[in-house]
């Protein structure tokens, strides 16, 4: 662990980020260039004291999970993120698989979306990060572990994941999930992460085996889905998916498809502010 270099890098990256880039108002009395330490701590979900000790070269070795949170908070590029891991004495997360972090460019786009529900996913359907409205709409997915990280696995093994969509839409949604997974499997031929997931799904679900055998292929880019939300009722959402050039990550943006849904999302936003303080999860609807 290179404490002095790590401290210098974190301090310089913090000072280089305009507050507006991460959705923080600058205010008339701001004296600090870039972000304050307490703002980095809030964005990363760590204590201010630990941020201070890291910038002073006095901290213990941070965990990979903490480094990932700091990389997101500081909007590091892929190269900067890898550098952060090296300075802290860890191997950077691999380019593929469950350990990936959302790319800095997608995080910036997520910030700009404001009150529009959105999330960044891997090509296997792992939610890497959600904005506030994304959590209120779909629930907080940050706590999923093992195969439950994957949208496909939850859909085909957990009845609760299907129950939030009307029965008449579930076949269409299941087919789109399988077709997208098939496309990822083709791009990542021989990748044990993908082949292992497919094998476990085939063993766990007859519906998955049926659809997988049909060999439909389609990267999910645009769709309309209905969400049966436990707090505000039926929501008709248009889903636009922006993919990175290598198709490795996706920015999913959900917008109301009609005026009634728009009003219900406005209500959900107010309910979320009243009942869910910042940093807590909304209802699970996926």
Protein backbone atom coordinates (compact mmCIF):
# COMPACT_ATOMS: atom_id res chain seq x y z
CA UNK A 1 0.00 0.00 0.00
CA UNK A 2 1.44 3.35 -1.07
CA UNK A 3 -0.13 5.59 1.59
CA UNK A 4 1.42 8.91 0.57
CA UNK A 5 0.62 8.44 -3.11
CA UNK A 6 -2.88 7.23 -2.27
CA UNK A 7 -3.47 10.27 -0.05
CA UNK A 8 -2.23 12.67 -2.75
CA UNK A 9 -4.32 11.03 -5.47
CA UNK A 10 -7.54 11.09 -3.43
CA UNK A 11 -7.03 14.70 -2.41
CA UNK A 12 -6.31 15.89 -5.94
CA UNK A 13 -9.28 14.00 -7.41
CA UNK A 14 -11.59 15.44 -4.74
CA UNK A 15 -10.41 18.97 -5.43
CA UNK A 16 -10.84 18.52 -9.20
CA UNK A 17 -14.56 17.63 -9.17
CA UNK A 18 -17.06 20.50 -9.48
CA UNK A 19 -19.85 19.97 -6.94
CA UNK A 20 -22.49 20.37 -9.66
CA UNK A 21 -21.07 17.29 -11.41
CA UNK A 22 -22.31 15.11 -8.56
CA UNK A 23 -25.55 17.01 -7.98
CA UNK A 24 -24.36 19.24 -5.10
CA UNK A 25 -25.16 22.97 -5.11
CA UNK A 26 -22.05 25.11 -4.69
CA UNK A 27 -23.62 27.81 -2.52
CA UNK A 28 -22.25 31.33 -1.90
CA UNK A 29 -19.93 30.43 1.00
CA UNK A 30 -17.99 27.57 -0.56
CA UNK A 31 -14.25 28.08 -0.14
CA UNK A 32 -12.99 24.58 -0.99
CA UNK A 33 -11.95 23.84 -4.55
CA UNK A 34 -13.99 20.87 -5.71
CA UNK A 35 -15.74 18.68 -3.15
CA UNK A 36 -15.50 18.88 0.61
CA UNK A 37 -14.34 15.79 2.53
CA UNK A 38 -17.76 15.42 4.14
CA UNK A 39 -19.35 15.42 0.68
CA UNK A 40 -17.06 12.62 -0.51
CA UNK A 41 -17.87 10.70 2.67
CA UNK A 42 -21.60 11.13 2.06
CA UNK A 43 -21.36 10.02 -1.58
CA UNK A 44 -19.21 7.00 -0.71
CA UNK A 45 -21.15 6.01 2.41
CA UNK A 46 -18.12 6.17 4.74
CA UNK A 47 -17.22 8.29 7.75
CA UNK A 48 -15.69 11.72 7.33
CA UNK A 49 -12.96 10.70 9.77
CA UNK A 50 -11.89 7.85 7.50
CA UNK A 51 -11.72 10.15 4.46
CA UNK A 52 -9.58 12.56 6.48
CA UNK A 53 -7.23 9.79 7.60
CA UNK A 54 -6.89 8.48 4.04
CA UNK A 55 -5.99 11.94 2.74
CA UNK A 56 -3.45 12.31 5.53
CA UNK A 57 -1.87 8.90 4.86
CA UNK A 58 -2.92 7.53 8.27
CA UNK A 59 -5.62 5.01 7.34
CA UNK A 60 -5.59 1.24 7.43
CA UNK A 61 -5.68 -0.54 4.08
CA UNK A 62 -9.12 0.11 2.53
CA UNK A 63 -11.15 -2.86 1.33
CA UNK A 64 -11.96 -3.36 -2.38
CA UNK A 65 -15.60 -2.55 -1.54
CA UNK A 66 -14.59 0.78 -0.02
CA UNK A 67 -12.34 1.56 -2.98
CA UNK A 68 -15.24 0.86 -5.33
CA UNK A 69 -17.43 3.27 -3.36
CA UNK A 70 -14.71 5.97 -3.49
CA UNK A 71 -14.23 5.41 -7.23
CA UNK A 72 -17.94 6.01 -7.78
CA UNK A 73 -18.04 9.04 -5.49
CA UNK A 74 -15.02 10.62 -7.21
CA UNK A 75 -16.26 9.72 -10.70
CA UNK A 76 -12.98 8.03 -11.58
CA UNK A 77 -12.35 6.82 -15.10
CA UNK A 78 -11.51 3.14 -15.61
CA UNK A 79 -7.78 3.95 -15.65
CA UNK A 80 -8.03 6.12 -12.54
CA UNK A 81 -10.01 3.44 -10.74
CA UNK A 82 -7.35 0.84 -11.54
CA UNK A 83 -4.66 3.25 -10.31
CA UNK A 84 -6.59 3.72 -7.05
CA UNK A 85 -6.67 -0.04 -6.48
CA UNK A 86 -2.93 -0.38 -7.21
CA UNK A 87 -2.04 2.42 -4.77
CA UNK A 88 -4.13 0.72 -2.08
CA UNK A 89 -2.35 -2.60 -2.63
CA UNK A 90 -5.23 -4.44 -4.37
CA UNK A 91 -5.67 -5.92 -7.80
CA UNK A 92 -8.16 -3.87 -9.85
CA UNK A 93 -11.52 -5.51 -10.54
CA UNK A 94 -11.55 -7.52 -13.77
CA UNK A 95 -12.93 -6.09 -16.98
CA UNK A 96 -15.78 -8.61 -16.91
CA UNK A 97 -17.78 -10.37 -14.24
CA UNK A 98 -19.45 -9.53 -10.97
CA UNK A 99 -16.73 -7.25 -9.59
CA UNK A 100 -17.12 -4.57 -12.26
CA UNK A 101 -17.85 -0.97 -11.34
CA UNK A 102 -20.06 1.39 -13.29
CA UNK A 103 -18.07 3.44 -15.78
CA UNK A 104 -17.43 7.07 -14.94
CA UNK A 105 -19.20 8.37 -18.05
CA UNK A 106 -22.36 6.44 -17.22
CA UNK A 107 -22.25 7.71 -13.64
CA UNK A 108 -22.14 11.29 -14.91
CA UNK A 109 -25.14 10.62 -17.14
CA UNK A 110 -26.95 9.09 -14.17
CA UNK A 111 -26.35 12.28 -12.18
CA UNK A 112 -27.74 14.43 -15.00
CA UNK A 113 -31.00 12.47 -15.11
CA UNK A 114 -32.07 13.91 -11.76
CA UNK A 115 -35.59 12.71 -10.87
CA UNK A 116 -35.85 10.31 -13.81
CA UNK A 117 -35.54 6.67 -12.62
CA UNK A 118 -32.34 5.15 -13.99
CA UNK A 119 -29.68 2.54 -13.26
CA UNK A 120 -26.44 1.17 -14.68
CA UNK A 121 -26.32 -2.58 -15.33
CA UNK A 122 -23.74 -5.07 -16.52
CA UNK A 123 -24.42 -7.08 -19.65
CA UNK A 124 -25.57 -9.94 -17.40
CA UNK A 125 -28.22 -7.81 -15.72
CA UNK A 126 -26.35 -6.95 -12.50
CA UNK A 127 -27.39 -3.55 -11.17
CA UNK A 128 -24.12 -1.68 -10.59
CA UNK A 129 -25.63 1.59 -9.36
CA UNK A 130 -29.07 3.25 -9.16
CA UNK A 131 -30.14 6.83 -8.73
CA UNK A 132 -32.60 7.84 -6.02
CA UNK A 133 -35.73 7.48 -8.15
CA UNK A 134 -34.46 4.19 -9.54
CA UNK A 135 -34.39 2.83 -5.99
CA UNK A 136 -37.85 4.17 -5.15
CA UNK A 137 -39.26 2.59 -8.31
CA UNK A 138 -37.48 -0.76 -8.38
CA UNK A 139 -36.10 -1.24 -4.87
CA UNK A 140 -32.49 -1.18 -3.73
CA UNK A 141 -30.55 -3.89 -5.56
CA UNK A 142 -27.21 -3.23 -3.91
CA UNK A 143 -27.64 -5.98 -1.33
CA UNK A 144 -28.04 -8.91 -3.73
CA UNK A 145 -25.30 -11.53 -3.62
CA UNK A 146 -24.50 -14.73 -5.49
CA UNK A 147 -26.73 -15.58 -8.42
CA UNK A 148 -29.44 -13.25 -7.14
CA UNK A 149 -27.35 -10.37 -8.52
CA UNK A 150 -28.59 -11.34 -11.96
CA UNK A 151 -31.99 -10.21 -13.24
CA UNK A 152 -32.45 -13.47 -15.13
CA UNK A 153 -31.83 -15.62 -12.09
CA UNK A 154 -34.27 -13.70 -9.91
CA UNK A 155 -36.91 -13.73 -12.65
CA UNK A 156 -36.86 -17.48 -13.17
CA UNK A 157 -36.36 -18.58 -9.54
CA UNK A 158 -38.20 -16.01 -7.40
CA UNK A 159 -41.99 -15.63 -7.84
CA UNK A 160 -41.84 -12.20 -6.17
CA UNK A 161 -39.71 -10.89 -9.07
CA UNK A 162 -42.48 -11.79 -11.54
CA UNK A 163 -45.38 -10.68 -9.35
CA UNK A 164 -44.64 -6.97 -9.87
CA UNK A 165 -45.57 -7.28 -13.56
CA UNK A 166 -49.04 -8.14 -14.91
CA UNK A 167 -49.52 -11.80 -15.83
CA UNK A 168 -50.18 -10.98 -19.48
CA UNK A 169 -46.74 -9.32 -19.85
CA UNK A 170 -44.61 -11.94 -18.14
CA UNK A 171 -44.00 -14.19 -21.16
CA UNK A 172 -42.80 -11.22 -23.22
CA UNK A 173 -40.53 -10.05 -20.43
CA UNK A 174 -39.13 -13.55 -19.87
CA UNK A 175 -38.35 -13.88 -23.58
CA UNK A 176 -36.56 -10.53 -23.66
CA UNK A 177 -34.42 -11.49 -20.65
CA UNK A 178 -33.41 -14.82 -22.19
CA UNK A 179 -32.73 -13.30 -25.63
CA UNK A 180 -30.49 -10.65 -24.06
CA UNK A 181 -28.62 -13.28 -22.03
CA UNK A 182 -28.18 -15.35 -25.20
CA UNK A 183 -26.60 -12.33 -26.92
CA UNK A 184 -24.21 -11.84 -23.98
CA UNK A 185 -23.30 -15.54 -24.05
CA UNK A 186 -22.44 -15.25 -27.73
CA UNK A 187 -20.18 -12.23 -27.17
CA UNK A 188 -18.50 -13.84 -24.17
CA UNK A 189 -18.12 -17.33 -25.57
CA UNK A 190 -16.36 -19.64 -23.13
CA UNK A 191 -16.59 -17.17 -20.22
CA UNK A 192 -17.17 -19.34 -17.12
CA UNK A 193 -19.23 -16.57 -15.46
CA UNK A 194 -21.78 -16.77 -18.28
CA UNK A 195 -21.72 -20.50 -18.88
CA UNK A 196 -22.03 -21.18 -15.14
CA UNK A 197 -25.03 -18.86 -14.85
CA UNK A 198 -26.75 -20.49 -17.83
CA UNK A 199 -26.11 -23.98 -16.47
CA UNK A 200 -27.54 -23.09 -13.08
CA UNK A 201 -30.60 -21.47 -14.64
CA UNK A 202 -31.22 -24.51 -16.82
CA UNK A 203 -31.08 -26.72 -13.75
CA UNK A 204 -33.36 -24.44 -11.71
CA UNK A 205 -36.13 -23.49 -14.15
CA UNK A 206 -38.15 -25.42 -16.74
CA UNK A 207 -39.36 -22.11 -18.22
CA UNK A 208 -35.77 -20.99 -18.72
CA UNK A 209 -34.87 -24.32 -20.38
CA UNK A 210 -37.83 -23.93 -22.75
CA UNK A 211 -36.94 -20.39 -23.80
CA UNK A 212 -33.19 -21.03 -23.97
CA UNK A 213 -33.80 -23.92 -26.37
CA UNK A 214 -35.58 -21.54 -28.79
CA UNK A 215 -32.28 -19.65 -29.34
CA UNK A 216 -33.81 -16.18 -29.64
CA UNK A 217 -31.20 -13.39 -29.61
CA UNK A 218 -31.78 -9.68 -29.02
CA UNK A 219 -29.92 -7.02 -27.06
CA UNK A 220 -32.47 -5.11 -24.99
CA UNK A 221 -32.57 -1.47 -26.10
CA UNK A 222 -36.16 -0.21 -25.88
CA UNK A 223 -39.32 -1.63 -24.33
CA UNK A 224 -42.45 -0.75 -22.40
CA UNK A 225 -43.23 -2.45 -19.11
CA UNK A 226 -45.94 -2.20 -16.50
CA UNK A 227 -44.89 -2.12 -12.86
CA UNK A 228 -47.42 -2.95 -10.15
CA UNK A 229 -45.96 -0.75 -7.44
CA UNK A 230 -47.00 -1.51 -3.84
CA UNK A 231 -47.24 2.17 -2.88
CA UNK A 232 -48.57 4.06 -5.90
CA UNK A 233 -50.18 1.35 -8.03
CA UNK A 234 -49.91 0.59 -11.74
CA UNK A 235 -47.11 2.36 -13.63
CA UNK A 236 -46.63 2.23 -17.40
CA UNK A 237 -42.94 2.85 -18.05
CA UNK A 238 -41.03 3.33 -21.30
CA UNK A 239 -37.57 1.81 -21.00
CA UNK A 240 -34.63 3.06 -23.05
CA UNK A 241 -31.31 1.24 -22.77
CA UNK A 242 -28.10 2.97 -23.84
CA UNK A 243 -25.21 0.53 -24.22
CA UNK A 244 -21.46 1.13 -24.21
CA UNK A 245 -19.61 0.45 -27.49
CA UNK A 246 -18.42 -2.96 -26.26
CA UNK A 247 -21.96 -3.76 -24.98
CA UNK A 248 -20.43 -4.46 -21.56
CA UNK A 249 -22.57 -2.00 -19.57
CA UNK A 250 -25.99 -0.43 -20.02
CA UNK A 251 -27.70 2.73 -18.80
CA UNK A 252 -31.38 1.94 -18.31
CA UNK A 253 -33.65 5.01 -18.25
CA UNK A 254 -37.32 4.67 -17.32
CA UNK A 255 -39.81 7.39 -18.23
CA UNK A 256 -43.60 7.56 -17.67
CA UNK A 257 -45.58 6.40 -20.71
CA UNK A 258 -48.72 8.40 -19.86
CA UNK A 259 -49.97 11.31 -17.75
CA UNK A 260 -51.39 9.09 -15.02
CA UNK A 261 -48.05 7.36 -14.52
CA UNK A 262 -46.30 10.72 -14.43
CA UNK A 263 -48.59 11.86 -11.61
CA UNK A 264 -48.01 8.62 -9.69
CA UNK A 265 -44.24 8.98 -10.06
CA UNK A 266 -44.51 12.52 -8.68
CA UNK A 267 -46.41 11.08 -5.71
CA UNK A 268 -43.76 8.37 -5.25
CA UNK A 269 -41.07 11.03 -5.24
CA UNK A 270 -42.86 12.90 -2.42
CA UNK A 271 -43.53 9.71 -0.46
CA UNK A 272 -39.89 8.75 -0.83
CA UNK A 273 -38.71 12.05 0.58
CA UNK A 274 -41.13 11.81 3.51
CA UNK A 275 -40.60 8.16 4.43
CA UNK A 276 -37.14 7.19 3.17
CA UNK A 277 -34.23 9.38 4.30
CA UNK A 278 -31.29 9.59 1.92
CA UNK A 279 -29.33 6.35 1.79
CA UNK A 280 -32.21 4.02 2.69
CA UNK A 281 -33.92 1.63 0.33
CA UNK A 282 -37.30 1.98 -1.29
CA UNK A 283 -39.69 -0.92 -1.82
CA UNK A 284 -38.53 -3.99 -3.70
CA UNK A 285 -40.56 -4.31 -6.89
CA UNK A 286 -38.31 -6.36 -9.18
